């Protein structure tokens, strides 16, 4: 993961998981299966999608994100993951695979239980 994201103007917002109320920006850069060239793994980029979700799920369920999101930002700079330009870059899953993962947090059964 990285928070250095040039070319943000060419992003696609995920149609299901880009919430105006979300406070965590994630840029998912999907790659297909690796292939071997000269003993190194290479990947072909298949997508770049911007997700804006609620950090609550990530800090609650991921020790890594709990640490990453607790790091203080430099004076006058936005915190990592808090804006389009500081979005965490996630490489590996495709945007569709990542959206499928997010369904665990945002499916109707979880949301109904939280509302009651």
Protein backbone atom coordinates (compact mmCIF):
# COMPACT_ATOMS: atom_id res chain seq x y z
CA UNK A 1 0.00 0.00 0.00
CA UNK A 2 1.07 3.52 -0.67
CA UNK A 3 -0.52 6.93 -0.38
CA UNK A 4 1.29 8.41 -3.39
CA UNK A 5 -1.36 8.44 -6.13
CA UNK A 6 -0.62 10.44 -9.28
CA UNK A 7 -3.26 10.64 -12.00
CA UNK A 8 -6.28 10.75 -9.72
CA UNK A 9 -8.30 12.57 -12.37
CA UNK A 10 -8.59 9.30 -14.33
CA UNK A 11 -10.18 7.35 -11.48
CA UNK A 12 -13.46 5.54 -11.60
CA UNK A 13 -15.55 5.74 -8.44
CA UNK A 14 -16.99 2.38 -7.45
CA UNK A 15 -20.74 2.49 -8.03
CA UNK A 16 -21.62 0.61 -4.82
CA UNK A 17 -18.86 1.53 -2.40
CA UNK A 18 -18.19 5.23 -2.82
CA UNK A 19 -20.03 6.87 0.08
CA UNK A 20 -20.19 10.63 0.59
CA UNK A 21 -20.11 9.89 4.31
CA UNK A 22 -17.07 7.62 3.98
CA UNK A 23 -13.89 8.88 5.59
CA UNK A 24 -11.41 6.35 4.17
CA UNK A 25 -10.24 6.61 0.56
CA UNK A 26 -8.82 3.49 -1.08
CA UNK A 27 -7.46 3.22 -4.60
CA UNK A 28 -7.66 -0.37 -5.84
CA UNK A 29 -5.33 -1.16 -8.71
CA UNK A 30 -6.20 -4.67 -9.80
CA UNK A 31 -3.77 -6.96 -11.54
CA UNK A 32 -4.35 -10.24 -13.27
CA UNK A 33 -2.49 -13.43 -12.47
CA UNK A 34 1.29 -13.10 -12.46
CA UNK A 35 3.31 -14.50 -15.30
CA UNK A 36 7.00 -15.34 -15.19
CA UNK A 37 9.56 -13.44 -17.26
CA UNK A 38 13.28 -13.78 -16.54
CA UNK A 39 12.60 -15.18 -13.06
CA UNK A 40 10.58 -12.14 -11.93
CA UNK A 41 6.85 -11.87 -11.37
CA UNK A 42 5.14 -9.34 -13.60
CA UNK A 43 1.52 -8.28 -13.50
CA UNK A 44 -0.78 -6.70 -16.04
CA UNK A 45 -2.90 -3.88 -14.63
CA UNK A 46 -6.62 -4.51 -15.15
CA UNK A 47 -8.32 -1.70 -13.25
CA UNK A 48 -8.06 1.40 -11.06
CA UNK A 49 -11.09 2.20 -8.96
CA UNK A 50 -11.60 4.65 -6.10
CA UNK A 51 -13.50 3.39 -3.07
CA UNK A 52 -14.65 5.73 -0.29
CA UNK A 53 -15.76 3.73 2.71
CA UNK A 54 -16.04 4.03 6.48
CA UNK A 55 -12.78 3.55 8.37
CA UNK A 56 -14.65 2.04 11.31
CA UNK A 57 -14.69 -1.43 9.71
CA UNK A 58 -10.99 -1.34 8.89
CA UNK A 59 -9.80 -0.09 12.27
CA UNK A 60 -12.10 -2.53 14.05
CA UNK A 61 -11.09 -5.61 12.06
CA UNK A 62 -7.54 -4.98 10.79
CA UNK A 63 -4.56 -4.49 13.09
CA UNK A 64 -2.65 -3.08 10.12
CA UNK A 65 -5.23 -0.41 9.32
CA UNK A 66 -5.64 0.35 13.03
CA UNK A 67 -1.95 1.32 13.12
CA UNK A 68 -1.91 3.04 9.71
CA UNK A 69 -4.94 5.20 10.45
CA UNK A 70 -3.66 6.14 13.91
CA UNK A 71 -0.43 7.63 12.53
CA UNK A 72 -0.41 11.40 12.91
CA UNK A 73 -0.13 13.45 9.73
CA UNK A 74 2.46 16.14 9.17
CA UNK A 75 1.43 19.63 10.25
CA UNK A 76 -0.98 21.14 7.75
CA UNK A 77 -1.22 17.91 5.71
CA UNK A 78 -4.31 15.67 5.44
CA UNK A 79 -4.10 12.27 7.12
CA UNK A 80 -3.30 9.24 4.97
CA UNK A 81 -6.46 7.87 3.40
CA UNK A 82 -8.57 10.92 4.28
CA UNK A 83 -8.68 12.48 0.78
CA UNK A 84 -8.51 11.54 -2.89
CA UNK A 85 -4.87 12.58 -3.05
CA UNK A 86 -3.85 10.60 0.04
CA UNK A 87 -5.84 7.45 -0.77
CA UNK A 88 -4.22 4.18 0.24
CA UNK A 89 -3.20 2.25 -2.86
CA UNK A 90 -4.17 -1.42 -2.75
CA UNK A 91 -2.57 -3.64 -5.36
CA UNK A 92 -3.49 -7.24 -5.91
CA UNK A 93 -7.23 -7.68 -5.97
CA UNK A 94 -9.22 -6.42 -8.90
CA UNK A 95 -11.84 -3.76 -8.15
CA UNK A 96 -14.56 -6.42 -8.48
CA UNK A 97 -12.77 -8.68 -5.99
CA UNK A 98 -12.33 -5.79 -3.55
CA UNK A 99 -16.02 -4.83 -3.88
CA UNK A 100 -16.91 -8.44 -3.11
CA UNK A 101 -14.77 -8.21 0.04
CA UNK A 102 -16.53 -4.98 1.09
CA UNK A 103 -19.88 -6.74 0.85
CA UNK A 104 -18.93 -8.48 4.12
CA UNK A 105 -19.24 -5.08 5.85
CA UNK A 106 -22.05 -3.55 3.82
CA UNK A 107 -24.47 -6.40 3.10
CA UNK A 108 -28.10 -5.95 4.05
CA UNK A 109 -27.90 -8.43 6.95
CA UNK A 110 -25.06 -6.60 8.69
CA UNK A 111 -26.64 -3.19 8.07
CA UNK A 112 -30.02 -4.36 9.40
CA UNK A 113 -28.41 -5.76 12.55
CA UNK A 114 -26.51 -2.52 13.12
CA UNK A 115 -29.68 -0.47 12.73
CA UNK A 116 -31.61 -2.45 15.34
